Protein backbone atom coordinates (compact mmCIF):
# COMPACT_ATOMS: atom_id res chain seq x y z
CA MET A 1 101.71 145.29 47.98
CA ALA A 2 103.13 148.55 49.30
CA PHE A 3 100.39 148.68 51.93
CA ARG A 4 101.51 145.33 53.32
CA HIS A 5 105.12 146.48 53.58
CA ALA A 6 104.02 149.75 55.20
CA LEU A 7 101.95 147.82 57.74
CA TRP A 8 104.83 145.47 58.56
CA LEU A 9 107.22 148.39 59.00
CA ARG A 10 104.77 150.19 61.29
CA VAL A 11 104.34 147.06 63.39
CA LEU A 12 108.11 146.63 63.62
CA LEU A 13 108.60 150.27 64.61
CA LEU A 14 105.88 150.00 67.27
CA LEU A 15 107.44 146.83 68.68
CA LEU A 16 110.83 148.57 68.67
CA VAL A 17 109.40 151.34 70.84
CA VAL A 18 107.96 148.77 73.27
CA GLU A 19 111.29 146.90 73.31
CA PHE A 20 113.13 150.15 74.01
CA ALA A 21 110.76 151.03 76.87
CA LEU A 22 111.20 147.57 78.41
CA GLY A 23 114.98 147.87 78.11
CA ILE A 24 115.02 151.29 79.76
CA TRP A 25 112.79 149.98 82.55
CA LEU A 26 115.17 147.05 83.07
CA VAL A 27 118.22 149.29 83.24
CA ARG A 28 116.53 151.52 85.80
CA TYR A 29 114.48 149.13 87.94
CA GLY A 30 115.13 145.56 86.79
CA THR A 31 116.72 142.79 88.78
CA PHE A 32 119.07 140.39 87.05
CA PRO A 33 119.83 136.85 88.23
CA THR A 34 123.37 136.10 89.34
CA THR A 35 123.49 132.30 89.15
CA THR A 36 125.63 130.13 86.91
CA ASN A 37 122.75 129.04 84.65
CA VAL A 38 121.72 132.57 83.77
CA VAL A 39 119.52 131.88 80.74
CA LYS A 40 117.39 129.27 82.45
CA VAL A 41 116.94 131.36 85.59
CA ALA A 42 116.23 134.54 83.62
CA MET A 43 113.45 132.84 81.67
CA ALA A 44 111.99 130.81 84.54
CA ARG A 45 112.34 132.85 87.72
CA GLY A 46 113.66 136.17 86.54
CA ASP A 47 111.98 139.52 86.35
CA PRO A 48 108.85 139.26 84.15
CA VAL A 49 109.92 142.43 82.33
CA LEU A 50 113.24 140.74 81.50
CA THR A 51 111.37 137.73 80.15
CA ALA A 52 109.11 139.98 78.05
CA HIS A 53 112.16 141.90 76.79
CA MET A 54 113.87 138.67 75.76
CA GLY A 55 110.76 137.25 74.10
CA LEU A 56 110.03 140.45 72.22
CA ALA A 57 113.62 140.53 70.96
CA VAL A 58 113.17 137.09 69.40
CA LEU A 59 109.85 138.16 67.88
CA LEU A 60 111.40 141.33 66.43
CA VAL A 61 114.23 139.41 64.76
CA VAL A 62 111.81 136.89 63.26
CA LEU A 63 109.40 139.57 61.99
CA ALA A 64 112.25 141.64 60.55
CA PHE A 65 113.55 138.56 58.75
CA VAL A 66 110.09 137.87 57.32
CA GLU A 67 109.75 141.48 56.12
CA THR A 68 113.23 141.40 54.56
CA VAL A 69 112.48 138.19 52.67
CA ALA A 70 109.10 139.60 51.59
CA ALA A 71 110.70 142.84 50.39
CA PHE A 72 113.31 141.00 48.33
CA GLY A 73 110.71 138.60 46.95
CA SER A 74 108.24 141.24 45.82
CA THR A 75 108.10 144.24 43.55
CA ALA A 76 108.98 146.57 46.40
CA PRO A 77 111.10 149.61 45.57
CA PRO A 78 114.81 148.70 45.57
CA ARG A 79 115.61 151.08 48.40
CA LEU A 80 112.97 149.48 50.60
CA ARG A 81 114.73 146.15 50.19
CA TRP A 82 118.01 147.57 51.46
CA PHE A 83 116.34 149.49 54.31
CA ALA A 84 114.58 146.27 55.39
CA LEU A 85 117.87 144.37 55.23
CA GLY A 86 119.65 147.10 57.21
CA GLY A 87 116.92 147.02 59.87
CA PHE A 88 117.13 143.25 60.11
CA LEU A 89 120.92 143.27 60.43
CA ALA A 90 120.78 145.99 63.09
CA LEU A 91 118.22 143.96 65.04
CA LEU A 92 120.45 140.91 64.69
CA VAL A 93 123.36 142.87 66.19
CA ALA A 94 121.13 144.05 69.05
CA TYR A 95 119.92 140.49 69.63
CA GLU A 96 123.45 139.08 69.65
CA SER A 97 124.66 141.73 72.07
CA GLY A 98 121.71 140.90 74.32
CA VAL A 99 122.66 137.23 74.26
CA GLU A 100 126.25 138.12 75.08
CA PHE A 101 125.03 140.35 77.93
CA ILE A 102 123.06 137.42 79.37
CA LEU A 103 126.00 135.04 78.96
CA SER A 104 128.27 137.51 80.75
CA ALA A 105 125.91 137.13 83.74
CA PHE A 106 124.71 140.72 83.18
CA SER A 107 128.10 142.07 84.19
CA ASN A 108 129.56 143.57 80.99
CA ASP A 109 128.12 147.06 80.51
CA ALA A 110 129.36 147.38 76.93
CA TYR A 111 126.69 145.02 75.59
CA PRO A 112 123.71 147.21 76.55
CA LEU A 113 125.38 150.13 74.78
CA VAL A 114 125.77 148.03 71.64
CA MET A 115 122.10 147.03 71.99
CA LEU A 116 121.14 150.70 72.21
CA ALA A 117 123.21 151.70 69.17
CA ALA A 118 121.85 148.80 67.13
CA PHE A 119 118.33 149.66 68.25
CA PHE A 120 118.71 153.19 66.92
CA GLY A 121 120.23 151.82 63.72
CA ALA A 122 117.24 149.53 63.24
CA ALA A 123 114.82 152.39 63.96
CA VAL A 124 116.57 154.58 61.36
CA PHE A 125 116.59 151.87 58.68
CA LEU A 126 112.97 150.85 59.27
CA GLY A 127 111.90 154.49 59.48
CA LEU A 128 113.62 155.20 56.17
CA GLY A 129 111.82 152.21 54.69
CA GLN A 130 108.52 153.64 55.90
CA TRP A 131 109.47 157.02 54.44
CA GLN A 132 110.37 155.37 51.13
CA LEU A 133 106.87 153.89 50.92
CA ALA A 134 105.20 157.17 51.90
CA ARG A 135 106.91 159.16 49.15
CA PRO A 136 104.80 159.68 46.06
CA ALA A 137 106.05 157.82 43.04
CA VAL A 138 107.85 160.09 40.61
CA PRO A 139 106.53 159.63 37.09
CA PRO A 140 109.13 159.04 34.40
CA ALA A 141 110.30 162.12 32.53
CA PRO A 142 108.65 162.67 29.16
CA PRO A 143 110.85 161.96 26.16
CA ALA A 144 112.87 164.84 24.81
CA PRO A 145 111.28 166.60 21.85
CA SER A 146 112.65 165.57 18.51
CA THR A 147 114.49 168.21 16.52
CA GLY A 148 113.70 166.55 13.25
CA THR A 149 117.34 166.01 12.27
CA GLY A 150 118.01 162.42 12.01
């Protein structure tokens, strides 16, 4: 079971790196539509990197939700459950700030900063979850020796 969680976390971390690279490319070289129906234009005739960035964001949120539900529904270590939940919530914040950035017609520069902060939060939580699974299990302490009085 731990292998499956470790695999999911690695996939999520890899997709986070790709999402980050796409976002940096967009900030540096991307073109954003300036029409009134921003979402439709961004998906249909916008920059293909923008479309990939938006699609990957949806995929990340869905996969993080699946991993969080799987962690809470399995015998995963308790900390892993909370790290998965923290990663999912951070990705949800990043997703929502991305939606707000689109709805502001790509004009409010605060939303990309929130996306960046939430991205790093998700990377930290998911990385800690990966670290939690990589740690060797600590065996329980042996019982204290009996003194014979009792």
